[in-house]
Each structure stands twice: as structure tokens, then as C-alpha cells.
Amino acid sequence: MPLAPGARAATVTLTDDAINSPQVINLGGFANPTLTLGAAPSGSTSATISAGQTAQFNLQITPGADYIGTVSLAYSGAPAAATIQGPATLQISNGNAVPFTVAVATSSGTSAILPFSSIPPSTPFSVLRTAPVLTVCVILLLLLAFGAKRILNAPRRLSFSSAFAATMLLTVFGAILTAVGCGGGSASLASPQPPKIVTPQGQFIIMVAPSASSANGKPLQLQSTPLTLTVN
């Protein structure tokens, strides 16, 4: 089995006791490719899409005479913010062509992110706690205001019970603010996320490189196939 397609030439030299020794015999031949990679009957090696869409290339590998084995495929040349998906290996048997699809997914980068759309995962119940805590804070503020008014309107010499009640009220209020922050920060805004990268417009060449070995284990010299991707 030839390792590569194309024309071949060789010579055979015979040395003997004849007058015209040595005799040279020229040999020549043409090797057909062991494997041919190209577009399937209903496919193409070129595609035109808009950013955000996925291009699909319907391809096939056609084996040469009597070839049976595994063909590995490698892909390269994807534009920015695009990914290539295709089979890593194909099994060739019975000399039949094997179809497969290569998909190139691009990105439009148009996803919108609302500043109030998410809540930090560290406080999953913060929104539920915010309303009652704010209500308690408002009630305590009203009580403080009412107590302050009573103190201002009271005689200069406050009774011990009035001073103790005011101190306890301030202590409870301070403890609640310290423990729960009066709701502050319990429903923080979601941190802005960086925008997605847009696949640029232009024409790109996606290379599909097959590799395989001959029956005696030597690597075959196989040609890569270019796919033309146009992004509008």
C-alpha cells in the first residue's frame, strides 16, 4: 500500500558479463490516494453565516482499495469566540465512504445582563429577611422618636426608670443593627459580568486534518482539507 498518492518512478540495474552491462530498466507508476476527504454528495466545503449562528459542513472520507482502519481527525482555524465540533475518529471498513459533519458555532455577544437580576449565592434568603427586618427597624425608630420626645418634655431630673428604659431601647436597637445590618447589604446588586466576545466578520479557513496508518503501521501521508467560513 503506498504511503502517499501521486506518480512514482524507479530503476532496476542489472550487472552481468554482457557487452552492454549494466542494463537499466526504468519503472513508473501512479499511486491512488489511500483516503480522500471532501464534501459529501449533498454537502459543501464553504458556508456563509451571521455571527451567533452555527455553520455545518457535510463531509465524507472515501477509502482507497482494500483500506480498513481508523482515521483520526484534528481541527484548527476557528475564529475568535467560535468553537469547532466534529468526530475525533472514524472507522473505515468494507471500502465504503463514511459521512460526518463538522459544526462551527459562532457568538453574537448580545446577551443582556440586568443589574437586579441575580442575588449573591452567599445570601439565598436575604430578600426574604429584608422586609421584616426593615419593618422592625422602622418601629424601633418610631419608638426612639417617641421616647426622645417624652424625655425632652419631661422635667430636668429624669427618673431612674426613664433613663434605664431609654438605655435598654438604644441597646436593643444597636444590637439588631449590628446583627442584621438593618437589611443593609442583604439584597446586594449582582456584580456586572464582562460582555461576551463577538465573532468578528470576515472569511476564515477551517482545516480538517486526517491521520491514519498503513497495514504495516507506517503513517500515511494524507492531505488536509480546508473549509471556508464566511461570517457576516
C-alpha atoms as a PDB file:
ATOM      1  CA  MET A   1       0.000   0.000   0.000  1.00  0.00           C
ATOM      2  CA  PRO A   2       1.526   3.388  -0.991  1.00  0.00           C
ATOM      3  CA  LEU A   3       2.035   5.882   1.816  1.00  0.00           C
ATOM      4  CA  ALA A   4       1.172   8.861  -0.403  1.00  0.00           C
ATOM      5  CA  PRO A   5      -0.638   9.447  -3.724  1.00  0.00           C
ATOM      6  CA  GLY A   6       0.985  10.601  -6.939  1.00  0.00           C
ATOM      7  CA  ALA A   7       3.415   9.487  -9.642  1.00  0.00           C
ATOM      8  CA  ARG A   8       6.303   7.190  -8.731  1.00  0.00           C
ATOM      9  CA  ALA A   9       9.484   6.331 -10.631  1.00  0.00           C
ATOM     10  CA  ALA A  10      12.286   3.817 -10.015  1.00  0.00           C
ATOM     11  CA  THR A  11      15.035   1.949 -11.801  1.00  0.00           C
ATOM     12  CA  VAL A  12      16.333  -1.597 -11.777  1.00  0.00           C
ATOM     13  CA  THR A  13      20.010  -2.076 -12.644  1.00  0.00           C
ATOM     14  CA  LEU A  14      21.333  -5.471 -13.881  1.00  0.00           C
ATOM     15  CA  THR A  15      25.057  -6.109 -13.927  1.00  0.00           C
ATOM     16  CA  ASP A  16      26.339  -9.100 -15.938  1.00  0.00           C
ATOM     17  CA  ASP A  17      29.042 -10.131 -18.405  1.00  0.00           C
ATOM     18  CA  ALA A  18      27.220  -8.820 -21.438  1.00  0.00           C
ATOM     19  CA  ILE A  19      28.773  -6.166 -23.639  1.00  0.00           C
ATOM     20  CA  ASN A  20      26.125  -3.587 -22.680  1.00  0.00           C
ATOM     21  CA  SER A  21      26.364  -4.276 -18.940  1.00  0.00           C
ATOM     22  CA  PRO A  22      24.921  -2.892 -16.770  1.00  0.00           C
ATOM     23  CA  GLN A  23      21.382  -2.838 -18.098  1.00  0.00           C
ATOM     24  CA  VAL A  24      18.999  -0.255 -16.597  1.00  0.00           C
ATOM     25  CA  ILE A  25      15.255  -0.805 -16.530  1.00  0.00           C
ATOM     26  CA  ASN A  26      13.047   2.225 -15.821  1.00  0.00           C
ATOM     27  CA  LEU A  27       9.900   1.692 -13.775  1.00  0.00           C
ATOM     28  CA  GLY A  28       6.973   4.053 -13.311  1.00  0.00           C
ATOM     29  CA  GLY A  29       3.535   4.123 -11.817  1.00  0.00           C
ATOM     30  CA  PHE A  30       0.849   6.240 -10.222  1.00  0.00           C
ATOM     31  CA  ALA A  31      -0.441   5.699  -6.693  1.00  0.00           C
ATOM     32  CA  ASN A  32      -4.066   6.468  -5.920  1.00  0.00           C
ATOM     33  CA  PRO A  33      -4.771   8.144  -2.566  1.00  0.00           C
ATOM     34  CA  THR A  34      -5.429   5.769   0.290  1.00  0.00           C
ATOM     35  CA  LEU A  35      -8.060   8.105   1.718  1.00  0.00           C
ATOM     36  CA  THR A  36      -9.874  11.069   0.175  1.00  0.00           C
ATOM     37  CA  LEU A  37     -11.541  13.674   2.399  1.00  0.00           C
ATOM     38  CA  GLY A  38     -14.011  16.130   0.866  1.00  0.00           C
ATOM     39  CA  ALA A  39     -17.585  17.278   0.666  1.00  0.00           C
ATOM     40  CA  ALA A  40     -20.376  14.720   0.826  1.00  0.00           C
ATOM     41  CA  PRO A  41     -22.694  14.482  -2.222  1.00  0.00           C
ATOM     42  CA  SER A  42     -25.169  16.844  -0.549  1.00  0.00           C
ATOM     43  CA  GLY A  43     -22.559  18.938   1.274  1.00  0.00           C
ATOM     44  CA  SER A  44     -20.089  21.728   0.645  1.00  0.00           C
ATOM     45  CA  THR A  45     -16.709  22.887   1.896  1.00  0.00           C
ATOM     46  CA  SER A  46     -17.897  26.507   2.222  1.00  0.00           C
ATOM     47  CA  ALA A  47     -20.594  28.221   4.302  1.00  0.00           C
ATOM     48  CA  THR A  48     -21.809  31.753   4.970  1.00  0.00           C
ATOM     49  CA  ILE A  49     -23.498  32.659   8.274  1.00  0.00           C
ATOM     50  CA  SER A  50     -24.107  35.607  10.593  1.00  0.00           C
ATOM     51  CA  ALA A  51     -22.380  35.986  13.954  1.00  0.00           C
ATOM     52  CA  GLY A  52     -24.206  33.869  16.513  1.00  0.00           C
ATOM     53  CA  GLN A  53     -25.182  31.147  14.042  1.00  0.00           C
ATOM     54  CA  THR A  54     -23.666  27.692  13.545  1.00  0.00           C
ATOM     55  CA  ALA A  55     -22.204  26.565  10.225  1.00  0.00           C
ATOM     56  CA  GLN A  56     -22.435  22.891   9.304  1.00  0.00           C
ATOM     57  CA  PHE A  57     -20.194  21.182   6.773  1.00  0.00           C
ATOM     58  CA  ASN A  58     -21.340  17.781   5.494  1.00  0.00           C
ATOM     59  CA  LEU A  59     -18.181  15.848   4.613  1.00  0.00           C
ATOM     60  CA  GLN A  60     -17.111  12.297   3.942  1.00  0.00           C
ATOM     61  CA  ILE A  61     -13.965  10.158   3.838  1.00  0.00           C
ATOM     62  CA  THR A  62     -13.640   7.810   0.885  1.00  0.00           C
ATOM     63  CA  PRO A  63     -11.106   4.975   1.325  1.00  0.00           C
ATOM     64  CA  GLY A  64      -8.901   3.589  -1.416  1.00  0.00           C
ATOM     65  CA  ALA A  65      -8.879  -0.014  -2.500  1.00  0.00           C
ATOM     66  CA  ASP A  66      -8.832  -2.521   0.355  1.00  0.00           C
ATOM     67  CA  TYR A  67      -8.196   0.070   3.076  1.00  0.00           C
ATOM     68  CA  ILE A  68      -9.561  -0.828   6.525  1.00  0.00           C
ATOM     69  CA  GLY A  69      -8.652   1.048   9.688  1.00  0.00           C
ATOM     70  CA  THR A  70      -9.201   4.013  11.963  1.00  0.00           C
ATOM     71  CA  VAL A  71      -8.825   7.611  10.816  1.00  0.00           C
ATOM     72  CA  SER A  72      -8.182  10.374  13.358  1.00  0.00           C
ATOM     73  CA  LEU A  73      -9.336  13.945  12.678  1.00  0.00           C
ATOM     74  CA  ALA A  74      -7.939  17.230  14.004  1.00  0.00           C
ATOM     75  CA  TYR A  75      -9.487  20.678  13.544  1.00  0.00           C
ATOM     76  CA  SER A  76      -7.928  24.145  13.574  1.00  0.00           C
ATOM     77  CA  GLY A  77      -8.511  27.706  12.373  1.00  0.00           C
ATOM     78  CA  ALA A  78     -11.630  28.631  14.365  1.00  0.00           C
ATOM     79  CA  PRO A  79     -12.162  32.430  14.559  1.00  0.00           C
ATOM     80  CA  ALA A  80     -12.430  34.279  17.860  1.00  0.00           C
ATOM     81  CA  ALA A  81     -15.386  33.271  20.074  1.00  0.00           C
ATOM     82  CA  ALA A  82     -16.109  30.230  17.882  1.00  0.00           C
ATOM     83  CA  THR A  83     -15.805  26.501  18.526  1.00  0.00           C
ATOM     84  CA  ILE A  84     -15.381  23.544  16.186  1.00  0.00           C
ATOM     85  CA  GLN A  85     -17.200  20.288  16.811  1.00  0.00           C
ATOM     86  CA  GLY A  86     -16.607  17.104  14.855  1.00  0.00           C
ATOM     87  CA  PRO A  87     -15.765  13.421  15.332  1.00  0.00           C
ATOM     88  CA  ALA A  88     -12.308  12.657  16.710  1.00  0.00           C
ATOM     89  CA  THR A  89     -12.058   9.290  14.932  1.00  0.00           C
ATOM     90  CA  LEU A  90     -13.831   7.419  12.145  1.00  0.00           C
ATOM     91  CA  GLN A  91     -13.774   3.693  11.470  1.00  0.00           C
ATOM     92  CA  ILE A  92     -13.277   2.726   7.820  1.00  0.00           C
ATOM     93  CA  SER A  93     -14.394  -0.728   6.693  1.00  0.00           C
ATOM     94  CA  ASN A  94     -15.504  -2.568   3.552  1.00  0.00           C
ATOM     95  CA  GLY A  95     -14.208   0.249   1.319  1.00  0.00           C
ATOM     96  CA  ASN A  96     -17.333   2.379   1.908  1.00  0.00           C
ATOM     97  CA  ALA A  97     -17.339   6.153   2.195  1.00  0.00           C
ATOM     98  CA  VAL A  98     -18.018   7.406   5.736  1.00  0.00           C
ATOM     99  CA  PRO A  99     -20.028  10.648   6.077  1.00  0.00           C
ATOM    100  CA  PHE A 100     -19.608  13.032   9.014  1.00  0.00           C
ATOM    101  CA  THR A 101     -20.452  16.612   9.984  1.00  0.00           C
ATOM    102  CA  VAL A 102     -18.233  19.437  11.188  1.00  0.00           C
ATOM    103  CA  ALA A 103     -20.058  22.260  13.016  1.00  0.00           C
ATOM    104  CA  VAL A 104     -18.570  25.705  13.716  1.00  0.00           C
ATOM    105  CA  ALA A 105     -20.544  27.644  16.362  1.00  0.00           C
ATOM    106  CA  THR A 106     -20.020  31.417  16.485  1.00  0.00           C
ATOM    107  CA  SER A 107     -21.044  34.038  19.071  1.00  0.00           C
ATOM    108  CA  SER A 108     -23.015  37.265  18.632  1.00  0.00           C
ATOM    109  CA  GLY A 109     -22.273  38.553  22.156  1.00  0.00           C
ATOM    110  CA  THR A 110     -25.738  40.140  22.523  1.00  0.00           C
ATOM    111  CA  SER A 111     -26.803  38.586  25.826  1.00  0.00           C
ATOM    112  CA  ALA A 112     -28.265  41.232  28.142  1.00  0.00           C
ATOM    113  CA  ILE A 113     -27.415  41.301  31.869  1.00  0.00           C
ATOM    114  CA  LEU A 114     -29.815  43.126  34.196  1.00  0.00           C
ATOM    115  CA  PRO A 115     -28.220  44.698  37.324  1.00  0.00           C
ATOM    116  CA  PHE A 116     -31.032  43.457  39.604  1.00  0.00           C
ATOM    117  CA  SER A 117     -31.457  40.038  38.001  1.00  0.00           C
ATOM    118  CA  SER A 118     -29.463  37.962  40.466  1.00  0.00           C
ATOM    119  CA  ILE A 119     -28.641  37.700  44.144  1.00  0.00           C
ATOM    120  CA  PRO A 120     -25.268  36.678  45.565  1.00  0.00           C
ATOM    121  CA  PRO A 121     -25.280  32.924  46.295  1.00  0.00           C
ATOM    122  CA  SER A 122     -23.888  33.504  49.799  1.00  0.00           C
ATOM    123  CA  THR A 123     -27.233  35.001  50.985  1.00  0.00           C
ATOM    124  CA  PRO A 124     -30.008  32.891  49.416  1.00  0.00           C
ATOM    125  CA  PHE A 125     -32.647  34.071  51.954  1.00  0.00           C
ATOM    126  CA  SER A 126     -31.588  37.725  52.155  1.00  0.00           C
ATOM    127  CA  VAL A 127     -34.589  39.001  50.180  1.00  0.00           C
ATOM    128  CA  LEU A 128     -36.983  37.141  52.459  1.00  0.00           C
ATOM    129  CA  ARG A 129     -35.312  38.672  55.527  1.00  0.00           C
ATOM    130  CA  THR A 130     -35.199  42.230  54.216  1.00  0.00           C
ATOM    131  CA  ALA A 131     -38.887  43.155  54.603  1.00  0.00           C
ATOM    132  CA  PRO A 132     -39.428  42.073  58.251  1.00  0.00           C
ATOM    133  CA  VAL A 133     -36.067  43.499  59.347  1.00  0.00           C
ATOM    134  CA  LEU A 134     -36.858  46.867  57.790  1.00  0.00           C
ATOM    135  CA  THR A 135     -40.250  46.801  59.494  1.00  0.00           C
ATOM    136  CA  VAL A 136     -38.628  46.202  62.903  1.00  0.00           C
ATOM    137  CA  CYS A 137     -36.148  49.000  62.264  1.00  0.00           C
ATOM    138  CA  VAL A 138     -38.923  51.446  61.394  1.00  0.00           C
ATOM    139  CA  ILE A 139     -40.851  50.517  64.541  1.00  0.00           C
ATOM    140  CA  LEU A 140     -37.727  50.970  66.692  1.00  0.00           C
ATOM    141  CA  LEU A 141     -37.031  54.338  65.086  1.00  0.00           C
ATOM    142  CA  LEU A 142     -40.583  55.445  65.860  1.00  0.00           C
ATOM    143  CA  LEU A 143     -40.197  54.279  69.460  1.00  0.00           C
ATOM    144  CA  LEU A 144     -36.916  56.154  69.761  1.00  0.00           C
ATOM    145  CA  ALA A 145     -38.518  59.283  68.382  1.00  0.00           C
ATOM    146  CA  PHE A 146     -41.438  58.965  70.782  1.00  0.00           C
ATOM    147  CA  GLY A 147     -39.072  58.304  73.708  1.00  0.00           C
ATOM    148  CA  ALA A 148     -36.905  61.257  72.788  1.00  0.00           C
ATOM    149  CA  LYS A 149     -39.948  63.488  72.686  1.00  0.00           C
ATOM    150  CA  ARG A 150     -41.045  62.321  76.131  1.00  0.00           C
ATOM    151  CA  ILE A 151     -37.552  62.922  77.501  1.00  0.00           C
ATOM    152  CA  LEU A 152     -37.396  66.429  76.056  1.00  0.00           C
ATOM    153  CA  ASN A 153     -40.809  67.268  77.515  1.00  0.00           C
ATOM    154  CA  ALA A 154     -40.015  65.682  80.895  1.00  0.00           C
ATOM    155  CA  PRO A 155     -38.552  67.599  83.887  1.00  0.00           C
ATOM    156  CA  ARG A 156     -34.801  68.028  84.003  1.00  0.00           C
ATOM    157  CA  ARG A 157     -34.355  65.435  86.675  1.00  0.00           C
ATOM    158  CA  LEU A 158     -35.237  62.209  84.930  1.00  0.00           C
ATOM    159  CA  SER A 159     -36.337  59.277  86.925  1.00  0.00           C
ATOM    160  CA  PHE A 160     -34.103  56.223  87.081  1.00  0.00           C
ATOM    161  CA  SER A 161     -36.745  54.090  85.298  1.00  0.00           C
ATOM    162  CA  SER A 162     -36.981  56.518  82.344  1.00  0.00           C
ATOM    163  CA  ALA A 163     -33.203  56.586  81.891  1.00  0.00           C
ATOM    164  CA  PHE A 164     -32.981  52.800  82.163  1.00  0.00           C
ATOM    165  CA  ALA A 165     -35.777  52.315  79.578  1.00  0.00           C
ATOM    166  CA  ALA A 166     -34.103  54.696  77.147  1.00  0.00           C
ATOM    167  CA  THR A 167     -30.742  52.924  77.586  1.00  0.00           C
ATOM    168  CA  MET A 168     -32.262  49.486  77.036  1.00  0.00           C
ATOM    169  CA  LEU A 169     -34.120  50.698  73.940  1.00  0.00           C
ATOM    170  CA  LEU A 170     -30.921  52.078  72.441  1.00  0.00           C
ATOM    171  CA  THR A 171     -29.058  48.853  73.317  1.00  0.00           C
ATOM    172  CA  VAL A 172     -31.672  46.633  71.647  1.00  0.00           C
ATOM    173  CA  PHE A 173     -31.748  48.863  68.598  1.00  0.00           C
ATOM    174  CA  GLY A 174     -27.957  48.796  68.298  1.00  0.00           C
ATOM    175  CA  ALA A 175     -27.854  45.012  68.710  1.00  0.00           C
ATOM    176  CA  ILE A 176     -30.369  44.487  65.907  1.00  0.00           C
ATOM    177  CA  LEU A 177     -28.487  46.837  63.602  1.00  0.00           C
ATOM    178  CA  THR A 178     -25.243  45.012  64.351  1.00  0.00           C
ATOM    179  CA  ALA A 179     -26.689  41.520  63.884  1.00  0.00           C
ATOM    180  CA  VAL A 180     -28.630  42.012  60.664  1.00  0.00           C
ATOM    181  CA  GLY A 181     -27.395  45.373  59.432  1.00  0.00           C
ATOM    182  CA  CYS A 182     -30.998  46.594  59.282  1.00  0.00           C
ATOM    183  CA  GLY A 183     -31.263  44.891  55.913  1.00  0.00           C
ATOM    184  CA  GLY A 184     -28.285  46.764  54.511  1.00  0.00           C
ATOM    185  CA  GLY A 185     -26.387  44.605  52.075  1.00  0.00           C
ATOM    186  CA  SER A 186     -28.799  41.699  52.416  1.00  0.00           C
ATOM    187  CA  ALA A 187     -30.008  42.225  48.867  1.00  0.00           C
ATOM    188  CA  SER A 188     -26.914  43.497  47.135  1.00  0.00           C
ATOM    189  CA  LEU A 189     -26.786  44.113  43.413  1.00  0.00           C
ATOM    190  CA  ALA A 190     -25.350  41.478  41.142  1.00  0.00           C
ATOM    191  CA  SER A 191     -21.796  42.209  40.089  1.00  0.00           C
ATOM    192  CA  PRO A 192     -21.631  43.164  36.395  1.00  0.00           C
ATOM    193  CA  GLN A 193     -20.326  40.466  34.118  1.00  0.00           C
ATOM    194  CA  PRO A 194     -17.958  41.149  31.241  1.00  0.00           C
ATOM    195  CA  PRO A 195     -19.622  41.252  27.809  1.00  0.00           C
ATOM    196  CA  LYS A 196     -19.330  38.269  25.537  1.00  0.00           C
ATOM    197  CA  ILE A 197     -16.762  38.338  22.753  1.00  0.00           C
ATOM    198  CA  VAL A 198     -18.331  38.684  19.319  1.00  0.00           C
ATOM    199  CA  THR A 199     -17.083  36.526  16.455  1.00  0.00           C
ATOM    200  CA  PRO A 200     -15.614  39.047  14.001  1.00  0.00           C
ATOM    201  CA  GLN A 201     -16.790  39.379  10.431  1.00  0.00           C
ATOM    202  CA  GLY A 202     -14.614  38.045   7.651  1.00  0.00           C
ATOM    203  CA  GLN A 203     -13.535  34.896   5.889  1.00  0.00           C
ATOM    204  CA  PHE A 204     -11.812  32.112   7.806  1.00  0.00           C
ATOM    205  CA  ILE A 205     -10.208  28.823   6.785  1.00  0.00           C
ATOM    206  CA  ILE A 206     -11.014  25.807   8.970  1.00  0.00           C
ATOM    207  CA  MET A 207      -8.544  22.973   8.459  1.00  0.00           C
ATOM    208  CA  VAL A 208      -9.598  19.340   8.848  1.00  0.00           C
ATOM    209  CA  ALA A 209      -6.500  17.152   9.106  1.00  0.00           C
ATOM    210  CA  PRO A 210      -6.877  13.350   8.851  1.00  0.00           C
ATOM    211  CA  SER A 211      -4.229  10.912  10.042  1.00  0.00           C
ATOM    212  CA  ALA A 212      -4.028   7.139   9.721  1.00  0.00           C
ATOM    213  CA  SER A 213      -1.527   4.289   9.411  1.00  0.00           C
ATOM    214  CA  SER A 214      -0.910   1.665   6.758  1.00  0.00           C
ATOM    215  CA  ALA A 215      -1.285  -2.050   7.356  1.00  0.00           C
ATOM    216  CA  ASN A 216       2.349  -2.297   8.489  1.00  0.00           C
ATOM    217  CA  GLY A 217       1.932   0.579  10.954  1.00  0.00           C
ATOM    218  CA  LYS A 218       3.615   3.357   8.967  1.00  0.00           C
ATOM    219  CA  PRO A 219       1.850   6.749   8.973  1.00  0.00           C
ATOM    220  CA  LEU A 220       0.085   7.639   5.736  1.00  0.00           C
ATOM    221  CA  GLN A 221       0.733  10.972   4.074  1.00  0.00           C
ATOM    222  CA  LEU A 222      -2.803  12.413   3.977  1.00  0.00           C
ATOM    223  CA  GLN A 223      -3.835  15.841   2.747  1.00  0.00           C
ATOM    224  CA  SER A 224      -5.707  18.284   4.999  1.00  0.00           C
ATOM    225  CA  THR A 225      -8.980  19.685   3.669  1.00  0.00           C
ATOM    226  CA  PRO A 226      -9.753  23.424   4.005  1.00  0.00           C
ATOM    227  CA  LEU A 227     -13.262  24.615   4.854  1.00  0.00           C
ATOM    228  CA  THR A 228     -14.157  28.215   4.028  1.00  0.00           C
ATOM    229  CA  LEU A 229     -16.287  30.009   6.645  1.00  0.00           C
ATOM    230  CA  THR A 230     -17.653  33.487   5.913  1.00  0.00           C
ATOM    231  CA  VAL A 231     -19.114  35.417   8.880  1.00  0.00           C
ATOM    232  CA  ASN A 232     -21.290  38.453   8.107  1.00  0.00           C
END
